[in-house]
Amino acid sequence: APSLTPGPARYFPERAGNATYPRAPRHTIAS
């Protein structure tokens, strides 16, 4: 069966700034 393990291309280290550094609160208007 094909392996379901994620490869190296599945990770995005450049997007980790929003989770590792503090930021101002943001609100969204839901329907």
PDB file of all heavy atoms in Angstrom:
ATOM      1  N   ALA A   1       0.854  -1.190   0.000  1.00  0.00           N
ATOM      2  CA  ALA A   1       0.000   0.000   0.000  1.00  0.00           C
ATOM      3  C   ALA A   1       0.888   1.238   0.000  1.00  0.00           C
ATOM      4  O   ALA A   1       1.997   1.211   0.553  1.00  0.00           O
ATOM      5  CB  ALA A   1      -0.929  -0.003   1.214  1.00  0.00           C
ATOM      6  N   PRO A   2       0.460   2.329  -0.600  1.00  0.00           N
ATOM      7  CA  PRO A   2       1.284   3.551  -0.574  1.00  0.00           C
ATOM      8  C   PRO A   2       1.431   4.100   0.836  1.00  0.00           C
ATOM      9  O   PRO A   2       0.523   3.998   1.667  1.00  0.00           O
ATOM     10  CB  PRO A   2       0.510   4.507  -1.482  1.00  0.00           C
ATOM     11  CG  PRO A   2      -0.895   4.013  -1.477  1.00  0.00           C
ATOM     12  CD  PRO A   2      -0.787   2.525  -1.359  1.00  0.00           C
ATOM     13  N   SER A   3       2.563   4.666   1.109  1.00  0.00           N
ATOM     14  CA  SER A   3       2.847   5.203   2.440  1.00  0.00           C
ATOM     15  C   SER A   3       2.124   6.529   2.624  1.00  0.00           C
ATOM     16  O   SER A   3       2.087   7.379   1.722  1.00  0.00           O
ATOM     17  CB  SER A   3       4.366   5.409   2.613  1.00  0.00           C
ATOM     18  OG  SER A   3       4.643   5.965   3.884  1.00  0.00           O
ATOM     19  N   LEU A   4       1.515   6.683   3.802  1.00  0.00           N
ATOM     20  CA  LEU A   4       0.794   7.909   4.131  1.00  0.00           C
ATOM     21  C   LEU A   4       1.610   8.855   5.009  1.00  0.00           C
ATOM     22  O   LEU A   4       1.056   9.763   5.631  1.00  0.00           O
ATOM     23  CB  LEU A   4      -0.520   7.554   4.842  1.00  0.00           C
ATOM     24  CG  LEU A   4      -1.491   6.665   4.052  1.00  0.00           C
ATOM     25  CD1 LEU A   4      -2.729   6.367   4.880  1.00  0.00           C
ATOM     26  CD2 LEU A   4      -1.859   7.309   2.727  1.00  0.00           C
ATOM     27  N   THR A   5       2.859   8.637   5.098  1.00  0.00           N
ATOM     28  CA  THR A   5       3.708   9.520   5.916  1.00  0.00           C
ATOM     29  C   THR A   5       4.000  10.812   5.134  1.00  0.00           C
ATOM     30  O   THR A   5       4.377  10.753   3.966  1.00  0.00           O
ATOM     31  CB  THR A   5       5.020   8.810   6.260  1.00  0.00           C
ATOM     32  OG1 THR A   5       4.700   7.558   6.888  1.00  0.00           O
ATOM     33  CG2 THR A   5       5.859   9.643   7.204  1.00  0.00           C
ATOM     34  N   PRO A   6       3.843  11.992   5.742  1.00  0.00           N
ATOM     35  CA  PRO A   6       4.120  13.246   5.008  1.00  0.00           C
ATOM     36  C   PRO A   6       5.615  13.402   4.708  1.00  0.00           C
ATOM     37  O   PRO A   6       6.477  13.041   5.504  1.00  0.00           O
ATOM     38  CB  PRO A   6       3.609  14.329   5.944  1.00  0.00           C
ATOM     39  CG  PRO A   6       3.647  13.717   7.292  1.00  0.00           C
ATOM     40  CD  PRO A   6       3.346  12.252   7.103  1.00  0.00           C
ATOM     41  N   GLY A   7       5.904  13.906   3.527  1.00  0.00           N
ATOM     42  CA  GLY A   7       7.293  14.136   3.125  1.00  0.00           C
ATOM     43  C   GLY A   7       7.783  15.521   3.499  1.00  0.00           C
ATOM     44  O   GLY A   7       7.084  16.306   4.166  1.00  0.00           O
ATOM     45  N   PRO A   8       9.010  15.871   3.098  1.00  0.00           N
ATOM     46  CA  PRO A   8       9.567  17.195   3.456  1.00  0.00           C
ATOM     47  C   PRO A   8       8.820  18.357   2.816  1.00  0.00           C
ATOM     48  O   PRO A   8       8.815  19.464   3.355  1.00  0.00           O
ATOM     49  CB  PRO A   8      11.005  17.116   2.928  1.00  0.00           C
ATOM     50  CG  PRO A   8      11.291  15.651   2.826  1.00  0.00           C
ATOM     51  CD  PRO A   8      10.005  15.015   2.460  1.00  0.00           C
ATOM     52  N   ALA A   9       8.185  18.155   1.693  1.00  0.00           N
ATOM     53  CA  ALA A   9       7.501  19.258   1.030  1.00  0.00           C
ATOM     54  C   ALA A   9       6.174  19.616   1.683  1.00  0.00           C
ATOM     55  O   ALA A   9       5.548  20.607   1.293  1.00  0.00           O
ATOM     56  CB  ALA A   9       7.258  18.885  -0.432  1.00  0.00           C
ATOM     57  N   ARG A  10       5.752  18.837   2.668  1.00  0.00           N
ATOM     58  CA  ARG A  10       4.482  19.138   3.327  1.00  0.00           C
ATOM     59  C   ARG A  10       4.623  20.196   4.426  1.00  0.00           C
ATOM     60  O   ARG A  10       3.598  20.673   4.927  1.00  0.00           O
ATOM     61  CB  ARG A  10       3.900  17.849   3.926  1.00  0.00           C
ATOM     62  CG  ARG A  10       3.424  16.837   2.904  1.00  0.00           C
ATOM     63  CD  ARG A  10       2.283  17.411   2.059  1.00  0.00           C
ATOM     64  NE  ARG A  10       1.732  16.440   1.144  1.00  0.00           N
ATOM     65  CZ  ARG A  10       0.664  15.682   1.416  1.00  0.00           C
ATOM     66  NH1 ARG A  10       0.055  15.823   2.574  1.00  0.00           N
ATOM     67  NH2 ARG A  10       0.243  14.833   0.525  1.00  0.00           N
ATOM     68  N   TYR A  11       5.811  20.546   4.822  1.00  0.00           N
ATOM     69  CA  TYR A  11       6.010  21.496   5.919  1.00  0.00           C
ATOM     70  C   TYR A  11       6.353  22.871   5.344  1.00  0.00           C
ATOM     71  O   TYR A  11       7.077  22.981   4.341  1.00  0.00           O
ATOM     72  CB  TYR A  11       7.130  21.020   6.855  1.00  0.00           C
ATOM     73  CG  TYR A  11       6.824  19.656   7.489  1.00  0.00           C
ATOM     74  CD1 TYR A  11       7.367  18.488   6.955  1.00  0.00           C
ATOM     75  CD2 TYR A  11       6.006  19.558   8.605  1.00  0.00           C
ATOM     76  CE1 TYR A  11       7.090  17.252   7.513  1.00  0.00           C
ATOM     77  CE2 TYR A  11       5.745  18.336   9.176  1.00  0.00           C
ATOM     78  CZ  TYR A  11       6.278  17.173   8.631  1.00  0.00           C
ATOM     79  OH  TYR A  11       6.005  15.961   9.195  1.00  0.00           O
ATOM     80  N   PHE A  12       5.872  23.952   6.020  1.00  0.00           N
ATOM     81  CA  PHE A  12       6.142  25.348   5.626  1.00  0.00           C
ATOM     82  C   PHE A  12       6.707  26.093   6.840  1.00  0.00           C
ATOM     83  O   PHE A  12       5.946  26.643   7.645  1.00  0.00           O
ATOM     84  CB  PHE A  12       4.860  26.031   5.125  1.00  0.00           C
ATOM     85  CG  PHE A  12       4.233  25.346   3.941  1.00  0.00           C
ATOM     86  CD1 PHE A  12       3.228  24.392   4.115  1.00  0.00           C
ATOM     87  CD2 PHE A  12       4.668  25.637   2.659  1.00  0.00           C
ATOM     88  CE1 PHE A  12       2.671  23.776   3.026  1.00  0.00           C
ATOM     89  CE2 PHE A  12       4.093  25.016   1.557  1.00  0.00           C
ATOM     90  CZ  PHE A  12       3.091  24.076   1.738  1.00  0.00           C
ATOM     91  N   PRO A  13       8.022  26.118   6.989  1.00  0.00           N
ATOM     92  CA  PRO A  13       8.597  26.824   8.171  1.00  0.00           C
ATOM     93  C   PRO A  13       8.383  28.330   8.134  1.00  0.00           C
ATOM     94  O   PRO A  13       8.352  28.979   9.181  1.00  0.00           O
ATOM     95  CB  PRO A  13      10.097  26.481   8.087  1.00  0.00           C
ATOM     96  CG  PRO A  13      10.168  25.268   7.214  1.00  0.00           C
ATOM     97  CD  PRO A  13       9.067  25.422   6.234  1.00  0.00           C
ATOM     98  N   GLU A  14       8.221  28.963   6.947  1.00  0.00           N
ATOM     99  CA  GLU A  14       8.051  30.402   6.877  1.00  0.00           C
ATOM    100  C   GLU A  14       6.721  30.877   7.437  1.00  0.00           C
ATOM    101  O   GLU A  14       6.536  32.045   7.752  1.00  0.00           O
ATOM    102  CB  GLU A  14       8.191  30.874   5.419  1.00  0.00           C
ATOM    103  CG  GLU A  14       7.136  30.325   4.483  1.00  0.00           C
ATOM    104  CD  GLU A  14       7.475  28.976   3.929  1.00  0.00           C
ATOM    105  OE1 GLU A  14       8.507  28.403   4.362  1.00  0.00           O
ATOM    106  OE2 GLU A  14       6.722  28.459   3.068  1.00  0.00           O
ATOM    107  N   ARG A  15       5.804  29.978   7.586  1.00  0.00           N
ATOM    108  CA  ARG A  15       4.499  30.357   8.135  1.00  0.00           C
ATOM    109  C   ARG A  15       4.412  30.145   9.650  1.00  0.00           C
ATOM    110  O   ARG A  15       3.331  30.274  10.222  1.00  0.00           O
ATOM    111  CB  ARG A  15       3.401  29.543   7.472  1.00  0.00           C
ATOM    112  CG  ARG A  15       3.300  29.760   5.966  1.00  0.00           C
ATOM    113  CD  ARG A  15       2.192  28.934   5.389  1.00  0.00           C
ATOM    114  NE  ARG A  15       2.117  29.048   3.919  1.00  0.00           N
ATOM    115  CZ  ARG A  15       1.241  28.407   3.150  1.00  0.00           C
ATOM    116  NH1 ARG A  15       0.344  27.587   3.717  1.00  0.00           N
ATOM    117  NH2 ARG A  15       1.262  28.561   1.833  1.00  0.00           N
ATOM    118  N   ALA A  16       5.456  29.801  10.269  1.00  0.00           N
ATOM    119  CA  ALA A  16       5.430  29.526  11.712  1.00  0.00           C
ATOM    120  C   ALA A  16       5.539  30.790  12.548  1.00  0.00           C
ATOM    121  O   ALA A  16       5.495  30.707  13.776  1.00  0.00           O
ATOM    122  CB  ALA A  16       6.553  28.569  12.075  1.00  0.00           C
ATOM    123  N   GLY A  17       5.702  31.969  11.917  1.00  0.00           N
ATOM    124  CA  GLY A  17       5.838  33.194  12.706  1.00  0.00           C
ATOM    125  C   GLY A  17       4.589  33.577  13.449  1.00  0.00           C
ATOM    126  O   GLY A  17       4.646  34.136  14.540  1.00  0.00           O
ATOM    127  N   ASN A  18       3.431  33.323  12.873  1.00  0.00           N
ATOM    128  CA  ASN A  18       2.177  33.672  13.532  1.00  0.00           C
ATOM    129  C   ASN A  18       1.936  32.844  14.789  1.00  0.00           C
ATOM    130  O   ASN A  18       1.218  33.270  15.696  1.00  0.00           O
ATOM    131  CB  ASN A  18       1.008  33.486  12.576  1.00  0.00           C
ATOM    132  CG  ASN A  18       1.113  34.381  11.349  1.00  0.00           C
ATOM    133  OD1 ASN A  18       1.705  35.470  11.435  1.00  0.00           O
ATOM    134  ND2 ASN A  18       0.579  33.942  10.223  1.00  0.00           N
ATOM    135  N   ALA A  19       2.531  31.655  14.845  1.00  0.00           N
ATOM    136  CA  ALA A  19       2.312  30.799  16.013  1.00  0.00           C
ATOM    137  C   ALA A  19       3.410  30.930  17.053  1.00  0.00           C
ATOM    138  O   ALA A  19       3.189  30.658  18.232  1.00  0.00           O
ATOM    139  CB  ALA A  19       2.202  29.331  15.559  1.00  0.00           C
ATOM    140  N   THR A  20       4.602  31.350  16.648  1.00  0.00           N
ATOM    141  CA  THR A  20       5.726  31.432  17.591  1.00  0.00           C
ATOM    142  C   THR A  20       5.909  32.828  18.195  1.00  0.00           C
ATOM    143  O   THR A  20       6.447  32.954  19.299  1.00  0.00           O
ATOM    144  CB  THR A  20       7.014  31.020  16.878  1.00  0.00           C
ATOM    145  OG1 THR A  20       7.198  31.843  15.713  1.00  0.00           O
ATOM    146  CG2 THR A  20       6.953  29.554  16.464  1.00  0.00           C
ATOM    147  N   TYR A  21       5.462  33.889  17.513  1.00  0.00           N
ATOM    148  CA  TYR A  21       5.655  35.255  18.007  1.00  0.00           C
ATOM    149  C   TYR A  21       4.306  35.840  18.412  1.00  0.00           C
ATOM    150  O   TYR A  21       3.259  35.493  17.856  1.00  0.00           O
ATOM    151  CB  TYR A  21       6.292  36.130  16.907  1.00  0.00           C
ATOM    152  CG  TYR A  21       7.652  35.645  16.506  1.00  0.00           C
ATOM    153  CD1 TYR A  21       7.837  34.885  15.335  1.00  0.00           C
ATOM    154  CD2 TYR A  21       8.779  35.944  17.294  1.00  0.00           C
ATOM    155  CE1 TYR A  21       9.083  34.431  14.970  1.00  0.00           C
ATOM    156  CE2 TYR A  21      10.038  35.480  16.913  1.00  0.00           C
ATOM    157  CZ  TYR A  21      10.188  34.737  15.765  1.00  0.00           C
ATOM    158  OH  TYR A  21      11.426  34.293  15.401  1.00  0.00           O
ATOM    159  N   PRO A  22       4.308  36.796  19.397  1.00  0.00           N
ATOM    160  CA  PRO A  22       3.048  37.411  19.833  1.00  0.00           C
ATOM    161  C   PRO A  22       2.481  38.321  18.751  1.00  0.00           C
ATOM    162  O   PRO A  22       3.213  38.916  17.962  1.00  0.00           O
ATOM    163  CB  PRO A  22       3.442  38.189  21.091  1.00  0.00           C
ATOM    164  CG  PRO A  22       4.897  38.424  20.966  1.00  0.00           C
ATOM    165  CD  PRO A  22       5.469  37.269  20.220  1.00  0.00           C
ATOM    166  N   ARG A  23       1.138  38.501  18.752  1.00  0.00           N
ATOM    167  CA  ARG A  23       0.469  39.325  17.770  1.00  0.00           C
ATOM    168  C   ARG A  23      -0.799  39.899  18.386  1.00  0.00           C
ATOM    169  O   ARG A  23      -1.253  39.446  19.445  1.00  0.00           O
ATOM    170  CB  ARG A  23       0.108  38.505  16.539  1.00  0.00           C
ATOM    171  CG  ARG A  23      -0.840  37.371  16.845  1.00  0.00           C
ATOM    172  CD  ARG A  23      -1.258  36.611  15.619  1.00  0.00           C
ATOM    173  NE  ARG A  23      -2.173  35.515  15.964  1.00  0.00           N
ATOM    174  CZ  ARG A  23      -2.772  34.751  15.055  1.00  0.00           C
ATOM    175  NH1 ARG A  23      -2.517  34.954  13.773  1.00  0.00           N
ATOM    176  NH2 ARG A  23      -3.576  33.801  15.444  1.00  0.00           N
ATOM    177  N   ALA A  24      -1.349  40.932  17.733  1.00  0.00           N
ATOM    178  CA  ALA A  24      -2.572  41.567  18.211  1.00  0.00           C
ATOM    179  C   ALA A  24      -3.771  40.677  17.921  1.00  0.00           C
ATOM    180  O   ALA A  24      -3.768  39.906  16.962  1.00  0.00           O
ATOM    181  CB  ALA A  24      -2.741  42.918  17.534  1.00  0.00           C
ATOM    182  N   PRO A  25      -4.824  40.794  18.750  1.00  0.00           N
ATOM    183  CA  PRO A  25      -6.008  39.965  18.508  1.00  0.00           C
ATOM    184  C   PRO A  25      -6.725  40.393  17.231  1.00  0.00           C
ATOM    185  O   PRO A  25      -6.823  41.571  16.916  1.00  0.00           O
ATOM    186  CB  PRO A  25      -6.862  40.200  19.746  1.00  0.00           C
ATOM    187  CG  PRO A  25      -6.428  41.501  20.279  1.00  0.00           C
ATOM    188  CD  PRO A  25      -4.954  41.613  19.968  1.00  0.00           C
ATOM    189  N   ARG A  26      -7.223  39.401  16.501  1.00  0.00           N
ATOM    190  CA  ARG A  26      -7.951  39.637  15.265  1.00  0.00           C
ATOM    191  C   ARG A  26      -9.338  38.970  15.371  1.00  0.00           C
ATOM    192  O   ARG A  26      -9.473  37.863  15.898  1.00  0.00           O
ATOM    193  CB  ARG A  26      -7.201  39.058  14.071  1.00  0.00           C
ATOM    194  CG  ARG A  26      -5.874  39.784  13.795  1.00  0.00           C
ATOM    195  CD  ARG A  26      -5.166  39.224  12.572  1.00  0.00           C
ATOM    196  NE  ARG A  26      -4.820  37.827  12.733  1.00  0.00           N
ATOM    197  CZ  ARG A  26      -4.235  37.104  11.757  1.00  0.00           C
ATOM    198  NH1 ARG A  26      -3.943  37.679  10.584  1.00  0.00           N
ATOM    199  NH2 ARG A  26      -3.940  35.841  11.969  1.00  0.00           N
ATOM    200  N   HIS A  27     -10.324  39.701  14.859  1.00  0.00           N
ATOM    201  CA  HIS A  27     -11.711  39.226  14.929  1.00  0.00           C
ATOM    202  C   HIS A  27     -12.264  39.117  13.518  1.00  0.00           C
ATOM    203  O   HIS A  27     -11.921  39.908  12.636  1.00  0.00           O
ATOM    204  CB  HIS A  27     -12.574  40.171  15.762  1.00  0.00           C
ATOM    205  CG  HIS A  27     -12.039  40.406  17.143  1.00  0.00           C
ATOM    206  ND1 HIS A  27     -12.231  39.535  18.183  1.00  0.00           N
ATOM    207  CD2 HIS A  27     -11.268  41.433  17.635  1.00  0.00           C
ATOM    208  CE1 HIS A  27     -11.639  39.988  19.278  1.00  0.00           C
ATOM    209  NE2 HIS A  27     -11.040  41.159  18.973  1.00  0.00           N
ATOM    210  N   THR A  28     -13.146  38.177  13.338  1.00  0.00           N
ATOM    211  CA  THR A  28     -13.799  37.958  12.047  1.00  0.00           C
ATOM    212  C   THR A  28     -15.310  38.015  12.217  1.00  0.00           C
ATOM    213  O   THR A  28     -15.832  37.747  13.318  1.00  0.00           O
ATOM    214  CB  THR A  28     -13.418  36.585  11.462  1.00  0.00           C
ATOM    215  OG1 THR A  28     -13.783  35.552  12.397  1.00  0.00           O
ATOM    216  CG2 THR A  28     -11.925  36.503  11.210  1.00  0.00           C
ATOM    217  N   ILE A  29     -15.986  38.430  11.165  1.00  0.00           N
ATOM    218  CA  ILE A  29     -17.447  38.485  11.170  1.00  0.00           C
ATOM    219  C   ILE A  29     -17.956  37.231  10.441  1.00  0.00           C
ATOM    220  O   ILE A  29     -17.777  37.104   9.223  1.00  0.00           O
ATOM    221  CB  ILE A  29     -17.971  39.763  10.482  1.00  0.00           C
ATOM    222  CG1 ILE A  29     -17.433  40.991  11.213  1.00  0.00           C
ATOM    223  CG2 ILE A  29     -19.499  39.780  10.459  1.00  0.00           C
ATOM    224  CD1 ILE A  29     -17.796  42.296  10.526  1.00  0.00           C
ATOM    225  N   ALA A  30     -18.562  36.347  11.184  1.00  0.00           N
ATOM    226  CA  ALA A  30     -19.088  35.106  10.602  1.00  0.00           C
ATOM    227  C   ALA A  30     -20.520  35.310  10.133  1.00  0.00           C
ATOM    228  O   ALA A  30     -21.214  36.251  10.544  1.00  0.00           O
ATOM    229  CB  ALA A  30     -19.026  33.962  11.618  1.00  0.00           C
ATOM    230  N   SER A  31     -20.952  34.461   9.264  1.00  0.00           N
ATOM    231  CA  SER A  31     -22.331  34.528   8.765  1.00  0.00           C
ATOM    232  C   SER A  31     -23.302  33.961   9.781  1.00  0.00           C
ATOM    233  O   SER A  31     -22.915  33.245  10.713  1.00  0.00           O
ATOM    234  CB  SER A  31     -22.428  33.751   7.448  1.00  0.00           C
ATOM    235  OG  SER A  31     -22.069  32.391   7.670  1.00  0.00           O
TER     236      SER A  31
END
